[in-house]
């Protein structure tokens, strides 16, 4: 059985394993303090950051981490999908699609105005992403003001 659900306290070890794989994919080194803080925010119902977990049988095999925020072009909340990852041993089974569809369903049922994300040009997951929405012509600029 495959489904998506909210994370629980007891999922921390599994989420951290996947988080480590995600950061390895992007060649990112996130300090433990930031990872700890991120996990606490994911579990905090008052945080704008929330997570969802993909479950295959009984194993936690994927996740999304999103940020709900306001915008100036709409009066409804906007969902930014910041992180999506599926364990490499479970890829090709529709779990990435399931995680994206889960966010679309949440967006519709909770009245959010849009869902958006970005990724690297060379990310193989773009084959999936392009089935949901076309990439637009925006260019991203990042000014790093402090370390994580």
Foldseek 3Di string as FASTA:
>chain_A
DKAKDFDDPVCVVVVVVQVVVQCVVVVHDDDPVVVVVLVVLQPDPPHQKHKMFMADPHHGFKMWIWGWDDDDVDRFIEIETEDITGHPVPPPVCRSVNRVVVVVVCCVVVVHDYYDYDDDPPDPCVVVVVVVDNDDDDDDDDDDPDDD
